[in-house]
PDB file of N, CA and C in Angstrom:
ATOM      1  N   MET A   1      25.360  10.512 -22.010  1.00  0.00           N
ATOM      2  CA  MET A   1      25.497  10.466 -20.457  1.00  0.00           C
ATOM      3  C   MET A   1      24.644   9.764 -20.188  1.00  0.00           C
ATOM      4  N   SER A   2      24.530   9.355 -19.058  1.00  0.00           N
ATOM      5  CA  SER A   2      24.246   8.254 -18.629  1.00  0.00           C
ATOM      6  C   SER A   2      22.411   8.929 -17.729  1.00  0.00           C
ATOM      7  N   LYS A   3      21.263   8.037 -17.843  1.00  0.00           N
ATOM      8  CA  LYS A   3      20.424   8.290 -17.369  1.00  0.00           C
ATOM      9  C   LYS A   3      20.323   8.287 -15.528  1.00  0.00           C
ATOM     10  N   LEU A   4      19.707   9.497 -15.359  1.00  0.00           N
ATOM     11  CA  LEU A   4      19.831   9.028 -13.684  1.00  0.00           C
ATOM     12  C   LEU A   4      18.238   8.525 -13.030  1.00  0.00           C
ATOM     13  N   GLU A   5      18.483   8.062 -11.950  1.00  0.00           N
ATOM     14  CA  GLU A   5      17.662   7.734 -11.561  1.00  0.00           C
ATOM     15  C   GLU A   5      16.728   8.923 -10.828  1.00  0.00           C
ATOM     16  N   LEU A   6      15.193   9.216 -10.791  1.00  0.00           N
ATOM     17  CA  LEU A   6      14.822  10.456  -9.993  1.00  0.00           C
ATOM     18  C   LEU A   6      14.211  10.232  -8.416  1.00  0.00           C
ATOM     19  N   LEU A   7      15.117  10.690  -7.410  1.00  0.00           N
ATOM     20  CA  LEU A   7      14.625  10.731  -6.238  1.00  0.00           C
ATOM     21  C   LEU A   7      13.364  10.986  -5.982  1.00  0.00           C
ATOM     22  N   GLN A   8      12.755   9.673  -4.828  1.00  0.00           N
ATOM     23  CA  GLN A   8      11.655   9.782  -4.433  1.00  0.00           C
ATOM     24  C   GLN A   8      11.006  11.322  -4.163  1.00  0.00           C
ATOM     25  N   GLY A   9       9.759  11.587  -5.001  1.00  0.00           N
ATOM     26  CA  GLY A   9       9.607  13.011  -4.668  1.00  0.00           C
ATOM     27  C   GLY A   9      10.065  14.440  -5.507  1.00  0.00           C
ATOM     28  N   THR A  10      10.753  13.986  -6.184  1.00  0.00           N
ATOM     29  CA  THR A  10      10.943  14.760  -6.914  1.00  0.00           C
ATOM     30  C   THR A  10      10.156  15.353  -8.316  1.00  0.00           C
ATOM     31  N   LEU A  11       9.805  14.039  -8.589  1.00  0.00           N
ATOM     32  CA  LEU A  11       8.783  14.115 -10.057  1.00  0.00           C
ATOM     33  C   LEU A  11       7.567  15.229  -9.235  1.00  0.00           C
ATOM     34  N   ASP A  12       7.223  15.563  -8.678  1.00  0.00           N
ATOM     35  CA  ASP A  12       5.737  16.308  -8.437  1.00  0.00           C
ATOM     36  C   ASP A  12       6.653  17.584  -8.521  1.00  0.00           C
ATOM     37  N   LEU A  13       7.686  18.255  -8.043  1.00  0.00           N
ATOM     38  CA  LEU A  13       8.456  19.263  -8.287  1.00  0.00           C
ATOM     39  C   LEU A  13       8.528  19.565  -9.454  1.00  0.00           C
ATOM     40  N   LEU A  14       8.951  18.831 -10.647  1.00  0.00           N
ATOM     41  CA  LEU A  14       9.471  18.838 -11.837  1.00  0.00           C
ATOM     42  C   LEU A  14       8.127  18.954 -13.011  1.00  0.00           C
ATOM     43  N   VAL A  15       7.584  18.324 -11.982  1.00  0.00           N
ATOM     44  CA  VAL A  15       5.842  18.610 -12.955  1.00  0.00           C
ATOM     45  C   VAL A  15       5.765  19.831 -12.703  1.00  0.00           C
ATOM     46  N   LEU A  16       5.434  20.590 -11.183  1.00  0.00           N
ATOM     47  CA  LEU A  16       4.763  21.510 -11.113  1.00  0.00           C
ATOM     48  C   LEU A  16       5.475  22.387 -12.020  1.00  0.00           C
ATOM     49  N   ARG A  17       6.734  22.418 -12.304  1.00  0.00           N
ATOM     50  CA  ARG A  17       7.622  23.425 -13.130  1.00  0.00           C
ATOM     51  C   ARG A  17       7.364  23.386 -13.932  1.00  0.00           C
ATOM     52  N   THR A  18       7.435  21.951 -14.675  1.00  0.00           N
ATOM     53  CA  THR A  18       7.389  22.313 -16.259  1.00  0.00           C
ATOM     54  C   THR A  18       5.536  23.019 -16.586  1.00  0.00           C
ATOM     55  N   LEU A  19       4.626  22.673 -15.750  1.00  0.00           N
ATOM     56  CA  LEU A  19       3.473  23.663 -15.897  1.00  0.00           C
ATOM     57  C   LEU A  19       3.916  24.881 -15.547  1.00  0.00           C
ATOM     58  N   GLU A  20       4.473  25.869 -15.094  1.00  0.00           N
ATOM     59  CA  GLU A  20       4.657  27.417 -14.504  1.00  0.00           C
ATOM     60  C   GLU A  20       4.133  27.943 -15.746  1.00  0.00           C
ATOM     61  N   GLY A  21       4.590  27.540 -16.769  1.00  0.00           N
ATOM     62  CA  GLY A  21       4.383  28.305 -18.299  1.00  0.00           C
ATOM     63  C   GLY A  21       3.386  28.485 -18.699  1.00  0.00           C
ATOM     64  N   GLU A  22       2.636  27.530 -19.245  1.00  0.00           N
ATOM     65  CA  GLU A  22       1.516  27.005 -20.464  1.00  0.00           C
ATOM     66  C   GLU A  22       1.263  25.838 -19.900  1.00  0.00           C
ATOM     67  N   ALA A  23      -0.390  25.454 -20.078  1.00  0.00           N
ATOM     68  CA  ALA A  23      -0.847  24.139 -19.823  1.00  0.00           C
ATOM     69  C   ALA A  23       0.254  23.302 -21.043  1.00  0.00           C
ATOM     70  N   LYS A  24       0.279  21.881 -20.283  1.00  0.00           N
ATOM     71  CA  LYS A  24       0.922  20.704 -21.664  1.00  0.00           C
ATOM     72  C   LYS A  24       0.137  19.601 -21.430  1.00  0.00           C
ATOM     73  N   HIS A  25       0.275  18.890 -22.363  1.00  0.00           N
ATOM     74  CA  HIS A  25      -0.403  16.906 -21.711  1.00  0.00           C
ATOM     75  C   HIS A  25       0.537  16.080 -21.612  1.00  0.00           C
ATOM     76  N   GLY A  26       0.315  14.914 -21.271  1.00  0.00           N
ATOM     77  CA  GLY A  26       1.170  14.263 -20.493  1.00  0.00           C
ATOM     78  C   GLY A  26       2.816  14.218 -21.652  1.00  0.00           C
ATOM     79  N   TYR A  27       2.590  14.335 -22.943  1.00  0.00           N
ATOM     80  CA  TYR A  27       3.935  13.485 -23.655  1.00  0.00           C
ATOM     81  C   TYR A  27       4.556  14.912 -23.520  1.00  0.00           C
ATOM     82  N   GLN A  28       4.109  15.894 -23.273  1.00  0.00           N
ATOM     83  CA  GLN A  28       4.857  17.413 -23.618  1.00  0.00           C
ATOM     84  C   GLN A  28       5.661  17.895 -21.754  1.00  0.00           C
ATOM     85  N   ILE A  29       4.909  17.289 -21.069  1.00  0.00           N
ATOM     86  CA  ILE A  29       5.678  17.078 -19.922  1.00  0.00           C
ATOM     87  C   ILE A  29       6.710  16.504 -20.048  1.00  0.00           C
ATOM     88  N   VAL A  30       6.794  15.213 -20.519  1.00  0.00           N
ATOM     89  CA  VAL A  30       7.772  14.129 -20.676  1.00  0.00           C
ATOM     90  C   VAL A  30       8.467  14.952 -21.212  1.00  0.00           C
ATOM     91  N   ARG A  31       8.394  15.321 -22.316  1.00  0.00           N
ATOM     92  CA  ARG A  31       9.754  15.843 -23.506  1.00  0.00           C
ATOM     93  C   ARG A  31      10.096  17.373 -22.400  1.00  0.00           C
ATOM     94  N   ALA A  32       9.564  18.085 -22.102  1.00  0.00           N
ATOM     95  CA  ALA A  32       9.787  19.022 -21.465  1.00  0.00           C
ATOM     96  C   ALA A  32      11.220  18.625 -20.102  1.00  0.00           C
ATOM     97  N   ILE A  33      10.606  17.911 -19.570  1.00  0.00           N
ATOM     98  CA  ILE A  33      11.583  17.625 -18.386  1.00  0.00           C
ATOM     99  C   ILE A  33      12.760  16.632 -19.035  1.00  0.00           C
ATOM    100  N   ARG A  34      12.868  16.181 -19.868  1.00  0.00           N
ATOM    101  CA  ARG A  34      13.789  15.337 -20.976  1.00  0.00           C
ATOM    102  C   ARG A  34      14.718  16.652 -21.063  1.00  0.00           C
ATOM    103  N   ALA A  35      14.068  17.655 -21.992  1.00  0.00           N
ATOM    104  CA  ALA A  35      15.281  18.615 -22.427  1.00  0.00           C
ATOM    105  C   ALA A  35      15.560  19.835 -21.561  1.00  0.00           C
ATOM    106  N   LEU A  36      14.864  19.904 -20.138  1.00  0.00           N
ATOM    107  CA  LEU A  36      15.722  21.040 -19.417  1.00  0.00           C
ATOM    108  C   LEU A  36      16.638  19.963 -18.857  1.00  0.00           C
ATOM    109  N   SER A  37      16.230  18.505 -18.722  1.00  0.00           N
ATOM    110  CA  SER A  37      17.244  18.319 -17.863  1.00  0.00           C
ATOM    111  C   SER A  37      18.955  17.383 -19.121  1.00  0.00           C
ATOM    112  N   SER A  38      18.775  18.266 -20.225  1.00  0.00           N
ATOM    113  CA  SER A  38      19.896  17.607 -21.309  1.00  0.00           C
ATOM    114  C   SER A  38      19.723  16.529 -21.674  1.00  0.00           C
ATOM    115  N   GLU A  39      18.402  15.899 -21.446  1.00  0.00           N
ATOM    116  CA  GLU A  39      18.232  14.412 -21.517  1.00  0.00           C
ATOM    117  C   GLU A  39      18.649  13.341 -20.642  1.00  0.00           C
ATOM    118  N   ALA A  40      19.074  14.025 -19.764  1.00  0.00           N
ATOM    119  CA  ALA A  40      19.091  13.135 -18.243  1.00  0.00           C
ATOM    120  C   ALA A  40      18.318  12.303 -17.374  1.00  0.00           C
ATOM    121  N   LEU A  41      16.970  12.977 -17.710  1.00  0.00           N
ATOM    122  CA  LEU A  41      15.987  12.398 -16.673  1.00  0.00           C
ATOM    123  C   LEU A  41      14.938  11.932 -17.903  1.00  0.00           C
ATOM    124  N   GLN A  42      14.219  10.770 -17.523  1.00  0.00           N
ATOM    125  CA  GLN A  42      13.749  10.065 -18.459  1.00  0.00           C
ATOM    126  C   GLN A  42      12.272  10.280 -17.082  1.00  0.00           C
ATOM    127  N   VAL A  43      11.464  10.288 -17.588  1.00  0.00           N
ATOM    128  CA  VAL A  43       9.896  10.418 -16.926  1.00  0.00           C
ATOM    129  C   VAL A  43       9.181   8.983 -17.757  1.00  0.00           C
ATOM    130  N   GLU A  44       8.914   7.640 -17.169  1.00  0.00           N
ATOM    131  CA  GLU A  44       7.798   6.740 -17.853  1.00  0.00           C
ATOM    132  C   GLU A  44       6.445   7.512 -17.437  1.00  0.00           C
ATOM    133  N   GLU A  45       5.732   6.920 -18.140  1.00  0.00           N
ATOM    134  CA  GLU A  45       4.292   7.191 -18.408  1.00  0.00           C
ATOM    135  C   GLU A  45       4.056   6.603 -17.040  1.00  0.00           C
ATOM    136  N   GLY A  46       4.148   5.405 -16.479  1.00  0.00           N
ATOM    137  CA  GLY A  46       4.074   4.691 -15.596  1.00  0.00           C
ATOM    138  C   GLY A  46       4.150   5.116 -14.087  1.00  0.00           C
ATOM    139  N   ALA A  47       4.963   6.306 -14.031  1.00  0.00           N
ATOM    140  CA  ALA A  47       5.224   7.020 -13.059  1.00  0.00           C
ATOM    141  C   ALA A  47       4.442   9.110 -12.982  1.00  0.00           C
ATOM    142  N   LEU A  48       4.213   9.064 -14.700  1.00  0.00           N
ATOM    143  CA  LEU A  48       4.073  10.421 -14.365  1.00  0.00           C
ATOM    144  C   LEU A  48       2.616  10.784 -14.379  1.00  0.00           C
ATOM    145  N   TYR A  49       1.484   9.748 -15.209  1.00  0.00           N
ATOM    146  CA  TYR A  49      -0.033   9.534 -14.785  1.00  0.00           C
ATOM    147  C   TYR A  49      -0.024   9.725 -12.967  1.00  0.00           C
ATOM    148  N   PRO A  50       0.401   8.551 -12.367  1.00  0.00           N
ATOM    149  CA  PRO A  50       0.141   8.699 -10.941  1.00  0.00           C
ATOM    150  C   PRO A  50       0.551  10.214 -10.074  1.00  0.00           C
ATOM    151  N   ALA A  51       1.323  10.585 -10.831  1.00  0.00           N
ATOM    152  CA  ALA A  51       2.282  12.003 -10.203  1.00  0.00           C
ATOM    153  C   ALA A  51       0.963  12.937 -10.846  1.00  0.00           C
ATOM    154  N   LEU A  52       0.397  12.924 -11.854  1.00  0.00           N
ATOM    155  CA  LEU A  52      -0.816  13.898 -12.240  1.00  0.00           C
ATOM    156  C   LEU A  52      -1.990  13.789 -11.411  1.00  0.00           C
ATOM    157  N   HIS A  53      -2.515  12.809 -11.186  1.00  0.00           N
ATOM    158  CA  HIS A  53      -3.161  12.287 -10.043  1.00  0.00           C
ATOM    159  C   HIS A  53      -3.429  12.841  -8.853  1.00  0.00           C
ATOM    160  N   ARG A  54      -1.904  12.585  -8.389  1.00  0.00           N
ATOM    161  CA  ARG A  54      -1.589  13.134  -7.366  1.00  0.00           C
ATOM    162  C   ARG A  54      -1.755  14.723  -7.051  1.00  0.00           C
ATOM    163  N   LEU A  55      -1.335  15.340  -7.938  1.00  0.00           N
ATOM    164  CA  LEU A  55      -1.112  16.882  -8.284  1.00  0.00           C
ATOM    165  C   LEU A  55      -2.494  17.118  -8.380  1.00  0.00           C
ATOM    166  N   LYS A  56      -3.306  17.092  -8.728  1.00  0.00           N
ATOM    167  CA  LYS A  56      -4.654  16.926  -9.028  1.00  0.00           C
ATOM    168  C   LYS A  56      -5.527  16.712  -7.771  1.00  0.00           C
ATOM    169  N   ALA A  57      -5.233  15.661  -7.116  1.00  0.00           N
ATOM    170  CA  ALA A  57      -6.248  15.365  -5.766  1.00  0.00           C
ATOM    171  C   ALA A  57      -6.053  16.429  -4.715  1.00  0.00           C
ATOM    172  N   ARG A  58      -4.585  17.205  -4.847  1.00  0.00           N
ATOM    173  CA  ARG A  58      -4.142  18.017  -4.144  1.00  0.00           C
ATOM    174  C   ARG A  58      -4.645  19.609  -4.335  1.00  0.00           C
ATOM    175  N   GLY A  59      -5.126  19.895  -5.403  1.00  0.00           N
ATOM    176  CA  GLY A  59      -5.690  21.105  -6.188  1.00  0.00           C
ATOM    177  C   GLY A  59      -4.486  21.881  -6.530  1.00  0.00           C
ATOM    178  N   TRP A  60      -3.587  21.372  -7.380  1.00  0.00           N
ATOM    179  CA  TRP A  60      -2.460  21.797  -7.904  1.00  0.00           C
ATOM    180  C   TRP A  60      -2.261  22.644  -8.851  1.00  0.00           C
ATOM    181  N   ILE A  61      -2.746  21.084  -9.500  1.00  0.00           N
ATOM    182  CA  ILE A  61      -3.108  21.179 -11.206  1.00  0.00           C
ATOM    183  C   ILE A  61      -4.767  20.995 -11.236  1.00  0.00           C
ATOM    184  N   ARG A  62      -4.954  21.364 -12.199  1.00  0.00           N
ATOM    185  CA  ARG A  62      -6.290  20.800 -13.473  1.00  0.00           C
ATOM    186  C   ARG A  62      -5.992  20.427 -14.380  1.00  0.00           C
ATOM    187  N   GLY A  63      -6.999  19.360 -15.303  1.00  0.00           N
ATOM    188  CA  GLY A  63      -7.005  19.448 -16.384  1.00  0.00           C
ATOM    189  C   GLY A  63      -7.978  19.234 -17.495  1.00  0.00           C
ATOM    190  N   SER A  64      -8.054  19.336 -18.613  1.00  0.00           N
ATOM    191  CA  SER A  64      -8.872  19.897 -19.029  1.00  0.00           C
ATOM    192  C   SER A  64      -8.271  19.211 -20.781  1.00  0.00           C
ATOM    193  N   TRP A  65      -9.620  18.750 -21.253  1.00  0.00           N
ATOM    194  CA  TRP A  65      -9.414  17.801 -22.704  1.00  0.00           C
ATOM    195  C   TRP A  65      -9.440  19.663 -23.759  1.00  0.00           C
ATOM    196  N   GLY A  66      -8.619  18.951 -24.879  1.00  0.00           N
ATOM    197  CA  GLY A  66      -8.065  19.722 -25.935  1.00  0.00           C
ATOM    198  C   GLY A  66      -7.105  19.048 -27.040  1.00  0.00           C
ATOM    199  N   VAL A  67      -6.698  19.836 -28.139  1.00  0.00           N
ATOM    200  CA  VAL A  67      -6.416  18.783 -28.948  1.00  0.00           C
ATOM    201  C   VAL A  67      -4.815  19.058 -29.063  1.00  0.00           C
ATOM    202  N   SER A  68      -4.259  17.903 -29.446  1.00  0.00           N
ATOM    203  CA  SER A  68      -2.669  18.857 -29.387  1.00  0.00           C
ATOM    204  C   SER A  68      -1.853  18.865 -30.547  1.00  0.00           C
ATOM    205  N   GLU A  69      -0.794  18.741 -30.452  1.00  0.00           N
ATOM    206  CA  GLU A  69      -0.251  19.334 -31.728  1.00  0.00           C
ATOM    207  C   GLU A  69      -0.486  18.816 -32.733  1.00  0.00           C
ATOM    208  N   ASN A  70      -0.767  17.369 -32.786  1.00  0.00           N
ATOM    209  CA  ASN A  70      -1.074  16.111 -34.250  1.00  0.00           C
ATOM    210  C   ASN A  70      -2.285  15.679 -34.446  1.00  0.00           C
ATOM    211  N   ASN A  71      -3.476  16.945 -34.019  1.00  0.00           N
ATOM    212  CA  ASN A  71      -4.255  16.710 -33.829  1.00  0.00           C
ATOM    213  C   ASN A  71      -5.146  15.190 -33.333  1.00  0.00           C
ATOM    214  N   ARG A  72      -4.913  15.326 -31.974  1.00  0.00           N
ATOM    215  CA  ARG A  72      -5.109  14.085 -31.065  1.00  0.00           C
ATOM    216  C   ARG A  72      -5.853  14.548 -30.209  1.00  0.00           C
ATOM    217  N   ARG A  73      -7.143  14.072 -29.538  1.00  0.00           N
ATOM    218  CA  ARG A  73      -7.754  14.107 -28.027  1.00  0.00           C
ATOM    219  C   ARG A  73      -6.830  14.220 -27.123  1.00  0.00           C
ATOM    220  N   ALA A  74      -6.272  15.019 -26.380  1.00  0.00           N
ATOM    221  CA  ALA A  74      -5.735  15.191 -24.990  1.00  0.00           C
ATOM    222  C   ALA A  74      -5.668  15.868 -23.574  1.00  0.00           C
ATOM    223  N   LYS A  75      -5.723  15.091 -22.677  1.00  0.00           N
ATOM    224  CA  LYS A  75      -6.139  16.022 -21.643  1.00  0.00           C
ATOM    225  C   LYS A  75      -4.840  16.934 -21.089  1.00  0.00           C
ATOM    226  N   PHE A  76      -5.210  18.383 -21.217  1.00  0.00           N
ATOM    227  CA  PHE A  76      -3.881  19.073 -20.432  1.00  0.00           C
ATOM    228  C   PHE A  76      -3.873  19.549 -19.290  1.00  0.00           C
ATOM    229  N   TYR A  77      -2.940  20.426 -18.617  1.00  0.00           N
ATOM    230  CA  TYR A  77      -2.574  19.958 -17.324  1.00  0.00           C
ATOM    231  C   TYR A  77      -2.129  21.567 -17.275  1.00  0.00           C
ATOM    232  N   GLU A  78      -2.901  22.445 -16.266  1.00  0.00           N
ATOM    233  CA  GLU A  78      -2.002  23.719 -15.621  1.00  0.00           C
ATOM    234  C   GLU A  78      -2.262  23.844 -14.407  1.00  0.00           C
ATOM    235  N   LEU A  79      -1.237  24.842 -13.908  1.00  0.00           N
ATOM    236  CA  LEU A  79      -1.102  25.028 -12.142  1.00  0.00           C
ATOM    237  C   LEU A  79      -2.131  25.627 -12.193  1.00  0.00           C
ATOM    238  N   THR A  80      -2.776  25.914 -10.890  1.00  0.00           N
ATOM    239  CA  THR A  80      -3.775  26.200  -9.911  1.00  0.00           C
ATOM    240  C   THR A  80      -3.067  27.503  -9.181  1.00  0.00           C
ATOM    241  N   ALA A  81      -3.458  28.240  -8.482  1.00  0.00           N
ATOM    242  CA  ALA A  81      -3.133  28.957  -8.003  1.00  0.00           C
ATOM    243  C   ALA A  81      -2.538  28.357  -6.784  1.00  0.00           C
ATOM    244  N   ASP A  82      -3.102  27.622  -6.138  1.00  0.00           N
ATOM    245  CA  ASP A  82      -2.331  26.460  -4.785  1.00  0.00           C
ATOM    246  C   ASP A  82      -1.393  26.024  -5.752  1.00  0.00           C
ATOM    247  N   GLY A  83      -1.137  25.071  -6.761  1.00  0.00           N
ATOM    248  CA  GLY A  83      -0.178  25.145  -7.251  1.00  0.00           C
ATOM    249  C   GLY A  83       1.003  25.917  -7.891  1.00  0.00           C
ATOM    250  N   ARG A  84       0.794  27.053  -7.570  1.00  0.00           N
ATOM    251  CA  ARG A  84       1.684  27.933  -7.676  1.00  0.00           C
ATOM    252  C   ARG A  84       2.777  28.490  -6.554  1.00  0.00           C
ATOM    253  N   CYS A  85       1.893  28.704  -5.902  1.00  0.00           N
ATOM    254  CA  CYS A  85       2.059  28.582  -3.913  1.00  0.00           C
ATOM    255  C   CYS A  85       3.069  27.301  -3.409  1.00  0.00           C
ATOM    256  N   ALA A  86       2.713  26.206  -3.776  1.00  0.00           N
ATOM    257  CA  ALA A  86       3.528  24.657  -3.934  1.00  0.00           C
ATOM    258  C   ALA A  86       4.531  24.521  -4.544  1.00  0.00           C
ATOM    259  N   LEU A  87       4.471  25.392  -5.819  1.00  0.00           N
ATOM    260  CA  LEU A  87       6.117  25.079  -6.591  1.00  0.00           C
ATOM    261  C   LEU A  87       6.575  25.934  -5.984  1.00  0.00           C
ATOM    262  N   GLU A  88       6.391  26.925  -5.430  1.00  0.00           N
ATOM    263  CA  GLU A  88       7.648  28.198  -4.607  1.00  0.00           C
ATOM    264  C   GLU A  88       8.266  27.403  -3.418  1.00  0.00           C
ATOM    265  N   GLU A  89       6.904  26.965  -2.835  1.00  0.00           N
ATOM    266  CA  GLU A  89       7.304  26.252  -1.548  1.00  0.00           C
ATOM    267  C   GLU A  89       8.352  24.597  -1.867  1.00  0.00           C
ATOM    268  N   GLN A  90       8.115  24.219  -2.730  1.00  0.00           N
ATOM    269  CA  GLN A  90       8.774  23.009  -3.150  1.00  0.00           C
ATOM    270  C   GLN A  90      10.052  23.322  -3.747  1.00  0.00           C
ATOM    271  N   SER A  91      10.380  24.619  -4.186  1.00  0.00           N
ATOM    272  CA  SER A  91      11.459  24.919  -5.110  1.00  0.00           C
ATOM    273  C   SER A  91      12.706  25.406  -3.706  1.00  0.00           C
ATOM    274  N   ARG A  92      11.653  25.507  -2.849  1.00  0.00           N
ATOM    275  CA  ARG A  92      12.622  26.470  -1.851  1.00  0.00           C
ATOM    276  C   ARG A  92      13.347  24.856  -0.642  1.00  0.00           C
ATOM    277  N   GLN A  93      12.290  24.273  -0.773  1.00  0.00           N
ATOM    278  CA  GLN A  93      12.519  23.149  -0.106  1.00  0.00           C
ATOM    279  C   GLN A  93      13.807  22.399  -0.778  1.00  0.00           C
ATOM    280  N   TRP A  94      13.655  21.807  -1.778  1.00  0.00           N
ATOM    281  CA  TRP A  94      14.740  21.528  -2.671  1.00  0.00           C
ATOM    282  C   TRP A  94      15.890  22.255  -2.424  1.00  0.00           C
ATOM    283  N   ALA A  95      15.802  23.328  -2.604  1.00  0.00           N
ATOM    284  CA  ALA A  95      17.117  24.338  -2.865  1.00  0.00           C
ATOM    285  C   ALA A  95      17.991  23.760  -1.441  1.00  0.00           C
ATOM    286  N   ARG A  96      16.959  24.119  -0.349  1.00  0.00           N
ATOM    287  CA  ARG A  96      17.535  23.822   1.233  1.00  0.00           C
ATOM    288  C   ARG A  96      18.409  21.972   1.177  1.00  0.00           C
ATOM    289  N   TYR A  97      17.511  21.251   0.357  1.00  0.00           N
ATOM    290  CA  TYR A  97      17.857  19.731   0.774  1.00  0.00           C
ATOM    291  C   TYR A  97      19.370  19.258   0.028  1.00  0.00           C
ATOM    292  N   VAL A  98      19.401  20.387  -1.483  1.00  0.00           N
ATOM    293  CA  VAL A  98      20.440  20.240  -2.165  1.00  0.00           C
ATOM    294  C   VAL A  98      21.712  21.016  -1.654  1.00  0.00           C
ATOM    295  N   GLN A  99      21.522  22.028  -1.297  1.00  0.00           N
ATOM    296  CA  GLN A  99      22.559  23.058   0.380  1.00  0.00           C
ATOM    297  C   GLN A  99      22.880  21.722   1.074  1.00  0.00           C
ATOM    298  N   ALA A 100      21.998  21.210   1.779  1.00  0.00           N
ATOM    299  CA  ALA A 100      22.350  20.303   2.644  1.00  0.00           C
ATOM    300  C   ALA A 100      23.426  19.158   2.162  1.00  0.00           C
ATOM    301  N   VAL A 101      22.728  18.370   1.283  1.00  0.00           N
ATOM    302  CA  VAL A 101      23.547  16.744   0.401  1.00  0.00           C
ATOM    303  C   VAL A 101      25.033  18.042   0.537  1.00  0.00           C
ATOM    304  N   GLY A 102      24.991  18.850  -0.324  1.00  0.00           N
ATOM    305  CA  GLY A 102      26.427  19.330  -0.817  1.00  0.00           C
ATOM    306  C   GLY A 102      27.066  19.820   0.577  1.00  0.00           C
ATOM    307  N   ALA A 103      27.152  20.174   1.453  1.00  0.00           N
ATOM    308  CA  ALA A 103      27.358  20.544   2.890  1.00  0.00           C
ATOM    309  C   ALA A 103      27.917  19.194   3.213  1.00  0.00           C
ATOM    310  N   VAL A 104      27.248  18.167   3.412  1.00  0.00           N
ATOM    311  CA  VAL A 104      28.005  16.809   3.754  1.00  0.00           C
ATOM    312  C   VAL A 104      29.012  16.076   3.033  1.00  0.00           C
ATOM    313  N   LEU A 105      28.391  16.729   1.165  1.00  0.00           N
ATOM    314  CA  LEU A 105      29.374  15.468   0.500  1.00  0.00           C
ATOM    315  C   LEU A 105      30.943  16.848   0.596  1.00  0.00           C
ATOM    316  N   ASP A 106      30.840  17.731   0.602  1.00  0.00           N
ATOM    317  CA  ASP A 106      31.997  18.871   0.863  1.00  0.00           C
ATOM    318  C   ASP A 106      32.846  18.235   2.162  1.00  0.00           C
ATOM    319  N   GLY A 107      32.074  18.076   3.000  1.00  0.00           N
ATOM    320  CA  GLY A 107      32.708  17.719   4.852  1.00  0.00           C
ATOM    321  C   GLY A 107      33.386  16.549   4.621  1.00  0.00           C
ATOM    322  N   GLU A 108      32.341  15.383   3.905  1.00  0.00           N
ATOM    323  CA  GLU A 108      33.035  13.879   3.748  1.00  0.00           C
ATOM    324  C   GLU A 108      34.346  14.231   2.999  1.00  0.00           C
ATOM    325  N   ALA A 109      34.156  15.208   1.898  1.00  0.00           N
ATOM    326  CA  ALA A 109      35.633  15.200   0.653  1.00  0.00           C
ATOM    327  C   ALA A 109      36.862  15.795   1.510  1.00  0.00           C
ATOM    328  N   ARG A 110      36.635  16.521   2.411  1.00  0.00           N
ATOM    329  CA  ARG A 110      37.770  17.234   3.737  1.00  0.00           C
ATOM    330  C   ARG A 110      38.341  16.143   4.870  1.00  0.00           C
ATOM    331  N   GLY A 111      37.721  15.597   5.005  1.00  0.00           N
ATOM    332  CA  GLY A 111      37.484  14.518   6.390  1.00  0.00           C
ATOM    333  C   GLY A 111      38.999  13.581   5.663  1.00  0.00           C
TER     334      GLY A 111
END
C-alpha cells in the first residue's frame, strides 16, 4: 500500500487521539499512528515534534520525563482535560469534513 500524505491540520488530531488512552513518548506516538492506519500514515520526526510543541502551547497536552521501554530517558505526553475537550471537538469537525468531501465526490460521480 502506498503511503498517504497527511492533510495539513490532521496531525494534531491524530496525536490527540493516540494519547487518549495513556501517556506516550514520541516514538510510541509515531508507531501508534502507523499501526492504527495499517501502515498507510507515516509521521516524520520533523512534523511530530512541532505538533507536540503546538499542542503543549495550547494546553491540550503536557509532558513529563520518564524511562522508555528500552530504559532510555524520554518525554512522555498525555492529554489534559482541555485536550480531551479539544479531541472531541476536533473529531466532530473531522467527521463533518469527511462527510462534506464525500458528498462532493458522490455528486461528481453522478454528474
